[in-house]
Amino acid sequence: MISSITVKKAYQQVRELRAAGFDIVAGTDSSTGVEKGVKFDISLHHEMWLYVTRSGLSAVEALRSATSISPRRFHLSDRGRIDGGLKADLLLVRGDLTTSIECTLDIVDV
């Protein structure tokens, strides 16, 4: 079992890494976490929400951590941007993602 002290320390470490200029890269353990209770899809939304509510990232920073920063850090030049010939999954959501990360849960179309 993970103690609340350990979780609070993790949030603090994210804040410190961000303040030091490190990229924060969102990602889930869904590929190996099915048997451990990690849900596909929703866990990434929850991770971004935690970045905003517990670690002090803005909604835009949390979105970038899951969209443009990840492909850049993993040298995937065909994703992370919207442009012709690139791979992309675009979501249309209700609301303003730049101010409310919860809008990622109100998907209108893919």
PDB file of N, CA and C in Angstrom:
ATOM      1  N   MET A   1       0.837  -1.179   0.000  1.00  0.00           N
ATOM      2  CA  MET A   1       0.000   0.000   0.000  1.00  0.00           C
ATOM      3  C   MET A   1       0.887   1.249   0.000  1.00  0.00           C
ATOM      4  N   ILE A   2       0.506   2.239  -0.768  1.00  0.00           N
ATOM      5  CA  ILE A   2       1.254   3.487  -0.864  1.00  0.00           C
ATOM      6  C   ILE A   2       0.728   4.448   0.190  1.00  0.00           C
ATOM      7  N   SER A   3       1.628   5.005   0.977  1.00  0.00           N
ATOM      8  CA  SER A   3       1.193   5.939   2.017  1.00  0.00           C
ATOM      9  C   SER A   3       0.887   7.307   1.424  1.00  0.00           C
ATOM     10  N   SER A   4       0.103   8.094   2.148  1.00  0.00           N
ATOM     11  CA  SER A   4      -0.230   9.444   1.688  1.00  0.00           C
ATOM     12  C   SER A   4       1.016  10.330   1.663  1.00  0.00           C
ATOM     13  N   ILE A   5       1.995  10.031   2.503  1.00  0.00           N
ATOM     14  CA  ILE A   5       3.250  10.787   2.506  1.00  0.00           C
ATOM     15  C   ILE A   5       3.987  10.561   1.192  1.00  0.00           C
ATOM     16  N   THR A   6       4.011   9.324   0.718  1.00  0.00           N
ATOM     17  CA  THR A   6       4.667   8.999  -0.541  1.00  0.00           C
ATOM     18  C   THR A   6       3.987   9.704  -1.705  1.00  0.00           C
ATOM     19  N   VAL A   7       2.672   9.726  -1.725  1.00  0.00           N
ATOM     20  CA  VAL A   7       1.923  10.378  -2.794  1.00  0.00           C
ATOM     21  C   VAL A   7       2.177  11.884  -2.769  1.00  0.00           C
ATOM     22  N   LYS A   8       2.126  12.484  -1.599  1.00  0.00           N
ATOM     23  CA  LYS A   8       2.390  13.927  -1.482  1.00  0.00           C
ATOM     24  C   LYS A   8       3.796  14.254  -1.949  1.00  0.00           C
ATOM     25  N   LYS A   9       4.747  13.395  -1.654  1.00  0.00           N
ATOM     26  CA  LYS A   9       6.126  13.605  -2.096  1.00  0.00           C
ATOM     27  C   LYS A   9       6.205  13.537  -3.622  1.00  0.00           C
ATOM     28  N   ALA A  10       5.454  12.647  -4.230  1.00  0.00           N
ATOM     29  CA  ALA A  10       5.442  12.548  -5.695  1.00  0.00           C
ATOM     30  C   ALA A  10       4.919  13.834  -6.320  1.00  0.00           C
ATOM     31  N   TYR A  11       3.843  14.397  -5.758  1.00  0.00           N
ATOM     32  CA  TYR A  11       3.315  15.661  -6.271  1.00  0.00           C
ATOM     33  C   TYR A  11       4.361  16.767  -6.137  1.00  0.00           C
ATOM     34  N   GLN A  12       5.040  16.782  -4.992  1.00  0.00           N
ATOM     35  CA  GLN A  12       6.080  17.781  -4.759  1.00  0.00           C
ATOM     36  C   GLN A  12       7.232  17.614  -5.756  1.00  0.00           C
ATOM     37  N   GLN A  13       7.613  16.385  -6.044  1.00  0.00           N
ATOM     38  CA  GLN A  13       8.705  16.147  -6.989  1.00  0.00           C
ATOM     39  C   GLN A  13       8.342  16.632  -8.387  1.00  0.00           C
ATOM     40  N   VAL A  14       7.095  16.451  -8.787  1.00  0.00           N
ATOM     41  CA  VAL A  14       6.653  16.964 -10.089  1.00  0.00           C
ATOM     42  C   VAL A  14       6.780  18.485 -10.097  1.00  0.00           C
ATOM     43  N   ARG A  15       6.347  19.141  -9.021  1.00  0.00           N
ATOM     44  CA  ARG A  15       6.478  20.602  -8.924  1.00  0.00           C
ATOM     45  C   ARG A  15       7.938  21.031  -9.037  1.00  0.00           C
ATOM     46  N   GLU A  16       8.820  20.327  -8.333  1.00  0.00           N
ATOM     47  CA  GLU A  16      10.246  20.677  -8.338  1.00  0.00           C
ATOM     48  C   GLU A  16      10.875  20.456  -9.716  1.00  0.00           C
ATOM     49  N   LEU A  17      10.541  19.355 -10.369  1.00  0.00           N
ATOM     50  CA  LEU A  17      11.080  19.078 -11.705  1.00  0.00           C
ATOM     51  C   LEU A  17      10.617  20.135 -12.702  1.00  0.00           C
ATOM     52  N   ARG A  18       9.342  20.488 -12.627  1.00  0.00           N
ATOM     53  CA  ARG A  18       8.807  21.530 -13.512  1.00  0.00           C
ATOM     54  C   ARG A  18       9.521  22.853 -13.261  1.00  0.00           C
ATOM     55  N   ALA A  19       9.702  23.219 -12.000  1.00  0.00           N
ATOM     56  CA  ALA A  19      10.369  24.474 -11.653  1.00  0.00           C
ATOM     57  C   ALA A  19      11.820  24.493 -12.129  1.00  0.00           C
ATOM     58  N   ALA A  20      12.427  23.318 -12.201  1.00  0.00           N
ATOM     59  CA  ALA A  20      13.814  23.208 -12.656  1.00  0.00           C
ATOM     60  C   ALA A  20      13.931  23.168 -14.175  1.00  0.00           C
ATOM     61  N   GLY A  21      12.782  23.187 -14.862  1.00  0.00           N
ATOM     62  CA  GLY A  21      12.802  23.232 -16.318  1.00  0.00           C
ATOM     63  C   GLY A  21      12.711  21.886 -17.013  1.00  0.00           C
ATOM     64  N   PHE A  22      12.459  20.831 -16.271  1.00  0.00           N
ATOM     65  CA  PHE A  22      12.318  19.512 -16.885  1.00  0.00           C
ATOM     66  C   PHE A  22      10.953  19.372 -17.538  1.00  0.00           C
ATOM     67  N   ASP A  23      10.901  18.612 -18.638  1.00  0.00           N
ATOM     68  CA  ASP A  23       9.623  18.287 -19.263  1.00  0.00           C
ATOM     69  C   ASP A  23       8.880  17.296 -18.381  1.00  0.00           C
ATOM     70  N   ILE A  24       7.595  17.504 -18.225  1.00  0.00           N
ATOM     71  CA  ILE A  24       6.725  16.554 -17.538  1.00  0.00           C
ATOM     72  C   ILE A  24       5.997  15.786 -18.632  1.00  0.00           C
ATOM     73  N   VAL A  25       6.167  14.481 -18.650  1.00  0.00           N
ATOM     74  CA  VAL A  25       5.599  13.642 -19.699  1.00  0.00           C
ATOM     75  C   VAL A  25       4.503  12.773 -19.095  1.00  0.00           C
ATOM     76  N   ALA A  26       3.290  12.968 -19.567  1.00  0.00           N
ATOM     77  CA  ALA A  26       2.169  12.150 -19.088  1.00  0.00           C
ATOM     78  C   ALA A  26       2.226  10.781 -19.737  1.00  0.00           C
ATOM     79  N   GLY A  27       1.819   9.809 -19.000  1.00  0.00           N
ATOM     80  CA  GLY A  27       1.754   8.451 -19.520  1.00  0.00           C
ATOM     81  C   GLY A  27       1.108   7.564 -18.490  1.00  0.00           C
ATOM     82  N   THR A  28       0.560   6.475 -18.942  1.00  0.00           N
ATOM     83  CA  THR A  28      -0.108   5.578 -18.012  1.00  0.00           C
ATOM     84  C   THR A  28       0.542   4.215 -18.077  1.00  0.00           C
ATOM     85  N   ASP A  29       0.182   3.391 -17.136  1.00  0.00           N
ATOM     86  CA  ASP A  29       0.669   2.012 -17.107  1.00  0.00           C
ATOM     87  C   ASP A  29      -0.405   1.062 -17.608  1.00  0.00           C
ATOM     88  N   SER A  30      -1.249   1.551 -18.502  1.00  0.00           N
ATOM     89  CA  SER A  30      -2.386   0.756 -18.964  1.00  0.00           C
ATOM     90  C   SER A  30      -1.973  -0.539 -19.637  1.00  0.00           C
ATOM     91  N   SER A  31      -0.840  -0.541 -20.312  1.00  0.00           N
ATOM     92  CA  SER A  31      -0.460  -1.755 -21.033  1.00  0.00           C
ATOM     93  C   SER A  31      -0.150  -2.903 -20.087  1.00  0.00           C
ATOM     94  N   THR A  32       0.292  -2.600 -18.884  1.00  0.00           N
ATOM     95  CA  THR A  32       0.572  -3.667 -17.922  1.00  0.00           C
ATOM     96  C   THR A  32      -0.312  -3.573 -16.699  1.00  0.00           C
ATOM     97  N   GLY A  33      -1.159  -2.559 -16.642  1.00  0.00           N
ATOM     98  CA  GLY A  33      -1.910  -2.314 -15.429  1.00  0.00           C
ATOM     99  C   GLY A  33      -3.302  -2.886 -15.384  1.00  0.00           C
ATOM    100  N   VAL A  34      -3.733  -3.599 -16.421  1.00  0.00           N
ATOM    101  CA  VAL A  34      -5.099  -4.105 -16.436  1.00  0.00           C
ATOM    102  C   VAL A  34      -5.349  -4.984 -15.216  1.00  0.00           C
ATOM    103  N   GLU A  35      -4.427  -5.863 -14.925  1.00  0.00           N
ATOM    104  CA  GLU A  35      -4.612  -6.754 -13.795  1.00  0.00           C
ATOM    105  C   GLU A  35      -4.434  -6.026 -12.462  1.00  0.00           C
ATOM    106  N   LYS A  36      -3.877  -4.827 -12.487  1.00  0.00           N
ATOM    107  CA  LYS A  36      -3.664  -4.049 -11.271  1.00  0.00           C
ATOM    108  C   LYS A  36      -4.746  -3.000 -11.078  1.00  0.00           C
ATOM    109  N   GLY A  37      -5.737  -2.956 -11.955  1.00  0.00           N
ATOM    110  CA  GLY A  37      -6.833  -2.025 -11.796  1.00  0.00           C
ATOM    111  C   GLY A  37      -6.677  -0.697 -12.514  1.00  0.00           C
ATOM    112  N   VAL A  38      -5.626  -0.521 -13.302  1.00  0.00           N
ATOM    113  CA  VAL A  38      -5.461   0.712 -14.065  1.00  0.00           C
ATOM    114  C   VAL A  38      -6.384   0.634 -15.271  1.00  0.00           C
ATOM    115  N   LYS A  39      -7.228   1.623 -15.427  1.00  0.00           N
ATOM    116  CA  LYS A  39      -8.197   1.629 -16.514  1.00  0.00           C
ATOM    117  C   LYS A  39      -7.610   2.308 -17.753  1.00  0.00           C
ATOM    118  N   PHE A  40      -7.897   1.725 -18.907  1.00  0.00           N
ATOM    119  CA  PHE A  40      -7.521   2.366 -20.153  1.00  0.00           C
ATOM    120  C   PHE A  40      -8.301   3.673 -20.277  1.00  0.00           C
ATOM    121  N   ASP A  41      -7.755   4.632 -20.957  1.00  0.00           N
ATOM    122  CA  ASP A  41      -8.377   5.925 -21.254  1.00  0.00           C
ATOM    123  C   ASP A  41      -8.490   6.843 -20.042  1.00  0.00           C
ATOM    124  N   ILE A  42      -9.280   6.470 -19.059  1.00  0.00           N
ATOM    125  CA  ILE A  42      -9.573   7.378 -17.957  1.00  0.00           C
ATOM    126  C   ILE A  42      -8.325   7.690 -17.132  1.00  0.00           C
ATOM    127  N   SER A  43      -7.370   6.782 -17.064  1.00  0.00           N
ATOM    128  CA  SER A  43      -6.194   7.027 -16.226  1.00  0.00           C
ATOM    129  C   SER A  43      -5.368   8.203 -16.741  1.00  0.00           C
ATOM    130  N   LEU A  44      -5.322   8.426 -18.034  1.00  0.00           N
ATOM    131  CA  LEU A  44      -4.586   9.578 -18.565  1.00  0.00           C
ATOM    132  C   LEU A  44      -5.300  10.883 -18.205  1.00  0.00           C
ATOM    133  N   HIS A  45      -6.611  10.883 -18.278  1.00  0.00           N
ATOM    134  CA  HIS A  45      -7.383  12.063 -17.861  1.00  0.00           C
ATOM    135  C   HIS A  45      -7.112  12.358 -16.383  1.00  0.00           C
ATOM    136  N   HIS A  46      -7.096  11.311 -15.586  1.00  0.00           N
ATOM    137  CA  HIS A  46      -6.862  11.474 -14.155  1.00  0.00           C
ATOM    138  C   HIS A  46      -5.444  11.991 -13.896  1.00  0.00           C
ATOM    139  N   GLU A  47      -4.486  11.476 -14.621  1.00  0.00           N
ATOM    140  CA  GLU A  47      -3.106  11.944 -14.456  1.00  0.00           C
ATOM    141  C   GLU A  47      -2.993  13.439 -14.769  1.00  0.00           C
ATOM    142  N   MET A  48      -3.600  13.876 -15.862  1.00  0.00           N
ATOM    143  CA  MET A  48      -3.560  15.304 -16.188  1.00  0.00           C
ATOM    144  C   MET A  48      -4.255  16.127 -15.110  1.00  0.00           C
ATOM    145  N   TRP A  49      -5.374  15.622 -14.594  1.00  0.00           N
ATOM    146  CA  TRP A  49      -6.086  16.312 -13.529  1.00  0.00           C
ATOM    147  C   TRP A  49      -5.203  16.437 -12.284  1.00  0.00           C
ATOM    148  N   LEU A  50      -4.482  15.378 -11.952  1.00  0.00           N
ATOM    149  CA  LEU A  50      -3.571  15.432 -10.799  1.00  0.00           C
ATOM    150  C   LEU A  50      -2.447  16.440 -11.025  1.00  0.00           C
ATOM    151  N   TYR A  51      -1.921  16.514 -12.239  1.00  0.00           N
ATOM    152  CA  TYR A  51      -0.884  17.505 -12.529  1.00  0.00           C
ATOM    153  C   TYR A  51      -1.385  18.914 -12.225  1.00  0.00           C
ATOM    154  N   VAL A  52      -2.630  19.172 -12.593  1.00  0.00           N
ATOM    155  CA  VAL A  52      -3.187  20.511 -12.397  1.00  0.00           C
ATOM    156  C   VAL A  52      -3.560  20.747 -10.932  1.00  0.00           C
ATOM    157  N   THR A  53      -4.284  19.810 -10.334  1.00  0.00           N
ATOM    158  CA  THR A  53      -4.831  20.035  -8.996  1.00  0.00           C
ATOM    159  C   THR A  53      -3.842  19.771  -7.870  1.00  0.00           C
ATOM    160  N   ARG A  54      -2.849  18.925  -8.099  1.00  0.00           N
ATOM    161  CA  ARG A  54      -1.916  18.569  -7.012  1.00  0.00           C
ATOM    162  C   ARG A  54      -0.494  19.068  -7.233  1.00  0.00           C
ATOM    163  N   SER A  55      -0.110  19.229  -8.504  1.00  0.00           N
ATOM    164  CA  SER A  55       1.288  19.603  -8.771  1.00  0.00           C
ATOM    165  C   SER A  55       1.447  20.999  -9.352  1.00  0.00           C
ATOM    166  N   GLY A  56       0.337  21.706  -9.546  1.00  0.00           N
ATOM    167  CA  GLY A  56       0.416  23.107  -9.925  1.00  0.00           C
ATOM    168  C   GLY A  56       0.646  23.416 -11.391  1.00  0.00           C
ATOM    169  N   LEU A  57       0.551  22.416 -12.269  1.00  0.00           N
ATOM    170  CA  LEU A  57       0.661  22.714 -13.689  1.00  0.00           C
ATOM    171  C   LEU A  57      -0.604  23.420 -14.148  1.00  0.00           C
ATOM    172  N   SER A  58      -0.482  24.232 -15.182  1.00  0.00           N
ATOM    173  CA  SER A  58      -1.676  24.818 -15.785  1.00  0.00           C
ATOM    174  C   SER A  58      -2.350  23.747 -16.637  1.00  0.00           C
ATOM    175  N   ALA A  59      -3.584  23.987 -17.014  1.00  0.00           N
ATOM    176  CA  ALA A  59      -4.288  23.046 -17.886  1.00  0.00           C
ATOM    177  C   ALA A  59      -3.534  22.873 -19.199  1.00  0.00           C
ATOM    178  N   VAL A  60      -2.989  23.949 -19.736  1.00  0.00           N
ATOM    179  CA  VAL A  60      -2.237  23.883 -21.002  1.00  0.00           C
ATOM    180  C   VAL A  60      -0.983  23.029 -20.819  1.00  0.00           C
ATOM    181  N   GLU A  61      -0.280  23.205 -19.715  1.00  0.00           N
ATOM    182  CA  GLU A  61       0.921  22.396 -19.465  1.00  0.00           C
ATOM    183  C   GLU A  61       0.569  20.913 -19.340  1.00  0.00           C
ATOM    184  N   ALA A  62      -0.527  20.612 -18.679  1.00  0.00           N
ATOM    185  CA  ALA A  62      -0.955  19.219 -18.546  1.00  0.00           C
ATOM    186  C   ALA A  62      -1.301  18.626 -19.909  1.00  0.00           C
ATOM    187  N   LEU A  63      -2.001  19.401 -20.739  1.00  0.00           N
ATOM    188  CA  LEU A  63      -2.328  18.928 -22.094  1.00  0.00           C
ATOM    189  C   LEU A  63      -1.072  18.681 -22.913  1.00  0.00           C
ATOM    190  N   ARG A  64      -0.135  19.596 -22.837  1.00  0.00           N
ATOM    191  CA  ARG A  64       1.120  19.411 -23.574  1.00  0.00           C
ATOM    192  C   ARG A  64       1.861  18.170 -23.098  1.00  0.00           C
ATOM    193  N   SER A  65       1.778  17.867 -21.805  1.00  0.00           N
ATOM    194  CA  SER A  65       2.472  16.694 -21.275  1.00  0.00           C
ATOM    195  C   SER A  65       1.949  15.403 -21.907  1.00  0.00           C
ATOM    196  N   ALA A  66       0.704  15.431 -22.354  1.00  0.00           N
ATOM    197  CA  ALA A  66       0.089  14.238 -22.935  1.00  0.00           C
ATOM    198  C   ALA A  66      -0.006  14.285 -24.453  1.00  0.00           C
ATOM    199  N   THR A  67       0.364  15.412 -25.058  1.00  0.00           N
ATOM    200  CA  THR A  67       0.196  15.536 -26.507  1.00  0.00           C
ATOM    201  C   THR A  67       1.497  15.843 -27.232  1.00  0.00           C
ATOM    202  N   SER A  68       2.049  16.995 -27.047  1.00  0.00           N
ATOM    203  CA  SER A  68       3.223  17.385 -27.838  1.00  0.00           C
ATOM    204  C   SER A  68       4.561  17.049 -27.186  1.00  0.00           C
ATOM    205  N   ILE A  69       4.627  17.028 -25.861  1.00  0.00           N
ATOM    206  CA  ILE A  69       5.916  16.756 -25.210  1.00  0.00           C
ATOM    207  C   ILE A  69       6.303  15.292 -25.338  1.00  0.00           C
ATOM    208  N   SER A  70       5.358  14.393 -25.133  1.00  0.00           N
ATOM    209  CA  SER A  70       5.676  12.957 -25.199  1.00  0.00           C
ATOM    210  C   SER A  70       6.333  12.555 -26.517  1.00  0.00           C
ATOM    211  N   PRO A  71       5.728  12.885 -27.663  1.00  0.00           N
ATOM    212  CA  PRO A  71       6.369  12.482 -28.923  1.00  0.00           C
ATOM    213  C   PRO A  71       7.733  13.136 -29.124  1.00  0.00           C
ATOM    214  N   ARG A  72       7.876  14.370 -28.668  1.00  0.00           N
ATOM    215  CA  ARG A  72       9.172  15.031 -28.824  1.00  0.00           C
ATOM    216  C   ARG A  72      10.242  14.322 -27.994  1.00  0.00           C
ATOM    217  N   ARG A  73       9.927  13.968 -26.766  1.00  0.00           N
ATOM    218  CA  ARG A  73      10.900  13.310 -25.895  1.00  0.00           C
ATOM    219  C   ARG A  73      11.244  11.910 -26.394  1.00  0.00           C
ATOM    220  N   PHE A  74      10.299  11.248 -27.066  1.00  0.00           N
ATOM    221  CA  PHE A  74      10.533   9.898 -27.580  1.00  0.00           C
ATOM    222  C   PHE A  74      10.919   9.896 -29.059  1.00  0.00           C
ATOM    223  N   HIS A  75      11.248  11.071 -29.583  1.00  0.00           N
ATOM    224  CA  HIS A  75      11.723  11.231 -30.965  1.00  0.00           C
ATOM    225  C   HIS A  75      10.754  10.651 -31.989  1.00  0.00           C
ATOM    226  N   LEU A  76       9.468  10.924 -31.802  1.00  0.00           N
ATOM    227  CA  LEU A  76       8.428  10.497 -32.736  1.00  0.00           C
ATOM    228  C   LEU A  76       8.011  11.715 -33.546  1.00  0.00           C
ATOM    229  N   SER A  77       8.715  11.960 -34.619  1.00  0.00           N
ATOM    230  CA  SER A  77       8.521  13.195 -35.383  1.00  0.00           C
ATOM    231  C   SER A  77       7.216  13.226 -36.177  1.00  0.00           C
ATOM    232  N   ASP A  78       6.497  12.107 -36.245  1.00  0.00           N
ATOM    233  CA  ASP A  78       5.251  12.070 -37.005  1.00  0.00           C
ATOM    234  C   ASP A  78       4.015  12.289 -36.130  1.00  0.00           C
ATOM    235  N   ARG A  79       4.199  12.729 -34.885  1.00  0.00           N
ATOM    236  CA  ARG A  79       3.068  12.998 -33.992  1.00  0.00           C
ATOM    237  C   ARG A  79       3.353  14.176 -33.075  1.00  0.00           C
ATOM    238  N   GLY A  80       2.322  14.570 -32.358  1.00  0.00           N
ATOM    239  CA  GLY A  80       2.471  15.666 -31.410  1.00  0.00           C
ATOM    240  C   GLY A  80       2.178  17.037 -31.976  1.00  0.00           C
ATOM    241  N   ARG A  81       1.870  17.073 -33.275  1.00  0.00           N
ATOM    242  CA  ARG A  81       1.519  18.332 -33.948  1.00  0.00           C
ATOM    243  C   ARG A  81       0.380  18.048 -34.907  1.00  0.00           C
ATOM    244  N   ILE A  82      -0.341  19.084 -35.250  1.00  0.00           N
ATOM    245  CA  ILE A  82      -1.401  18.946 -36.250  1.00  0.00           C
ATOM    246  C   ILE A  82      -0.856  19.516 -37.551  1.00  0.00           C
ATOM    247  N   ASP A  83      -0.640  18.625 -38.513  1.00  0.00           N
ATOM    248  CA  ASP A  83      -0.089  19.021 -39.808  1.00  0.00           C
ATOM    249  C   ASP A  83      -0.337  17.894 -40.796  1.00  0.00           C
ATOM    250  N   GLY A  84      -0.332  18.207 -42.067  1.00  0.00           N
ATOM    251  CA  GLY A  84      -0.558  17.213 -43.104  1.00  0.00           C
ATOM    252  C   GLY A  84       0.460  16.089 -43.042  1.00  0.00           C
ATOM    253  N   GLY A  85      -0.004  14.861 -43.219  1.00  0.00           N
ATOM    254  CA  GLY A  85       0.865  13.699 -43.273  1.00  0.00           C
ATOM    255  C   GLY A  85       1.311  13.157 -41.925  1.00  0.00           C
ATOM    256  N   LEU A  86       0.865  13.760 -40.849  1.00  0.00           N
ATOM    257  CA  LEU A  86       1.252  13.285 -39.523  1.00  0.00           C
ATOM    258  C   LEU A  86       0.153  12.424 -38.924  1.00  0.00           C
ATOM    259  N   LYS A  87       0.531  11.554 -37.987  1.00  0.00           N
ATOM    260  CA  LYS A  87      -0.450  10.736 -37.281  1.00  0.00           C
ATOM    261  C   LYS A  87      -1.097  11.589 -36.192  1.00  0.00           C
ATOM    262  N   ALA A  88      -2.414  11.468 -36.087  1.00  0.00           N
ATOM    263  CA  ALA A  88      -3.095  12.258 -35.065  1.00  0.00           C
ATOM    264  C   ALA A  88      -4.450  11.660 -34.740  1.00  0.00           C
ATOM    265  N   ASP A  89      -4.808  11.739 -33.475  1.00  0.00           N
ATOM    266  CA  ASP A  89      -6.160  11.489 -33.014  1.00  0.00           C
ATOM    267  C   ASP A  89      -6.619  12.808 -32.419  1.00  0.00           C
ATOM    268  N   LEU A  90      -7.613  13.402 -33.030  1.00  0.00           N
ATOM    269  CA  LEU A  90      -8.116  14.687 -32.548  1.00  0.00           C
ATOM    270  C   LEU A  90      -9.423  14.480 -31.813  1.00  0.00           C
ATOM    271  N   LEU A  91      -9.550  15.137 -30.683  1.00  0.00           N
ATOM    272  CA  LEU A  91     -10.770  15.071 -29.901  1.00  0.00           C
ATOM    273  C   LEU A  91     -11.431  16.434 -29.889  1.00  0.00           C
ATOM    274  N   LEU A  92     -12.723  16.438 -30.103  1.00  0.00           N
ATOM    275  CA  LEU A  92     -13.512  17.653 -29.959  1.00  0.00           C
ATOM    276  C   LEU A  92     -14.196  17.555 -28.605  1.00  0.00           C
ATOM    277  N   VAL A  93     -13.920  18.533 -27.751  1.00  0.00           N
ATOM    278  CA  VAL A  93     -14.502  18.512 -26.411  1.00  0.00           C
ATOM    279  C   VAL A  93     -15.371  19.738 -26.192  1.00  0.00           C
ATOM    280  N   ARG A  94     -16.256  19.618 -25.242  1.00  0.00           N
ATOM    281  CA  ARG A  94     -17.112  20.735 -24.861  1.00  0.00           C
ATOM    282  C   ARG A  94     -16.392  21.497 -23.753  1.00  0.00           C
ATOM    283  N   GLY A  95     -16.182  22.780 -23.947  1.00  0.00           N
ATOM    284  CA  GLY A  95     -15.543  23.584 -22.912  1.00  0.00           C
ATOM    285  C   GLY A  95     -14.200  24.128 -23.362  1.00  0.00           C
ATOM    286  N   ASP A  96     -13.551  24.817 -22.461  1.00  0.00           N
ATOM    287  CA  ASP A  96     -12.271  25.461 -22.736  1.00  0.00           C
ATOM    288  C   ASP A  96     -11.152  24.726 -22.018  1.00  0.00           C
ATOM    289  N   LEU A  97     -10.416  23.914 -22.759  1.00  0.00           N
ATOM    290  CA  LEU A  97      -9.327  23.125 -22.176  1.00  0.00           C
ATOM    291  C   LEU A  97      -8.190  23.975 -21.629  1.00  0.00           C
ATOM    292  N   THR A  98      -8.096  25.200 -22.071  1.00  0.00           N
ATOM    293  CA  THR A  98      -7.005  26.037 -21.569  1.00  0.00           C
ATOM    294  C   THR A  98      -7.256  26.515 -20.144  1.00  0.00           C
ATOM    295  N   THR A  99      -8.487  26.379 -19.680  1.00  0.00           N
ATOM    296  CA  THR A  99      -8.797  26.809 -18.318  1.00  0.00           C
ATOM    297  C   THR A  99      -9.317  25.692 -17.429  1.00  0.00           C
ATOM    298  N   SER A 100      -9.787  24.597 -18.026  1.00  0.00           N
ATOM    299  CA  SER A 100     -10.374  23.516 -17.231  1.00  0.00           C
ATOM    300  C   SER A 100      -9.985  22.158 -17.801  1.00  0.00           C
ATOM    301  N   ILE A 101      -9.078  21.472 -17.136  1.00  0.00           N
ATOM    302  CA  ILE A 101      -8.607  20.174 -17.616  1.00  0.00           C
ATOM    303  C   ILE A 101      -9.726  19.133 -17.584  1.00  0.00           C
ATOM    304  N   GLU A 102     -10.750  19.346 -16.755  1.00  0.00           N
ATOM    305  CA  GLU A 102     -11.865  18.417 -16.684  1.00  0.00           C
ATOM    306  C   GLU A 102     -12.609  18.296 -18.007  1.00  0.00           C
ATOM    307  N   CYS A 103     -12.465  19.284 -18.877  1.00  0.00           N
ATOM    308  CA  CYS A 103     -13.133  19.239 -20.182  1.00  0.00           C
ATOM    309  C   CYS A 103     -12.679  18.042 -21.019  1.00  0.00           C
ATOM    310  N   THR A 104     -11.517  17.471 -20.706  1.00  0.00           N
ATOM    311  CA  THR A 104     -11.066  16.308 -21.478  1.00  0.00           C
ATOM    312  C   THR A 104     -12.030  15.138 -21.333  1.00  0.00           C
ATOM    313  N   LEU A 105     -12.839  15.167 -20.297  1.00  0.00           N
ATOM    314  CA  LEU A 105     -13.803  14.092 -20.076  1.00  0.00           C
ATOM    315  C   LEU A 105     -15.118  14.305 -20.818  1.00  0.00           C
ATOM    316  N   ASP A 106     -15.326  15.490 -21.373  1.00  0.00           N
ATOM    317  CA  ASP A 106     -16.560  15.788 -22.079  1.00  0.00           C
ATOM    318  C   ASP A 106     -16.308  15.766 -23.588  1.00  0.00           C
ATOM    319  N   ILE A 107     -16.010  14.586 -24.091  1.00  0.00           N
ATOM    320  CA  ILE A 107     -15.651  14.397 -25.505  1.00  0.00           C
ATOM    321  C   ILE A 107     -16.930  14.381 -26.335  1.00  0.00           C
ATOM    322  N   VAL A 108     -16.945  15.235 -27.364  1.00  0.00           N
ATOM    323  CA  VAL A 108     -18.090  15.351 -28.259  1.00  0.00           C
ATOM    324  C   VAL A 108     -17.899  14.481 -29.497  1.00  0.00           C
ATOM    325  N   ASP A 109     -16.649  14.443 -30.011  1.00  0.00           N
ATOM    326  CA  ASP A 109     -16.379  13.674 -31.227  1.00  0.00           C
ATOM    327  C   ASP A 109     -14.891  13.364 -31.314  1.00  0.00           C
ATOM    328  N   VAL A 110     -14.576  12.308 -32.051  1.00  0.00           N
ATOM    329  CA  VAL A 110     -13.182  11.902 -32.285  1.00  0.00           C
ATOM    330  C   VAL A 110     -12.905  11.972 -33.749  1.00  0.00           C
TER     331      VAL A 110
END
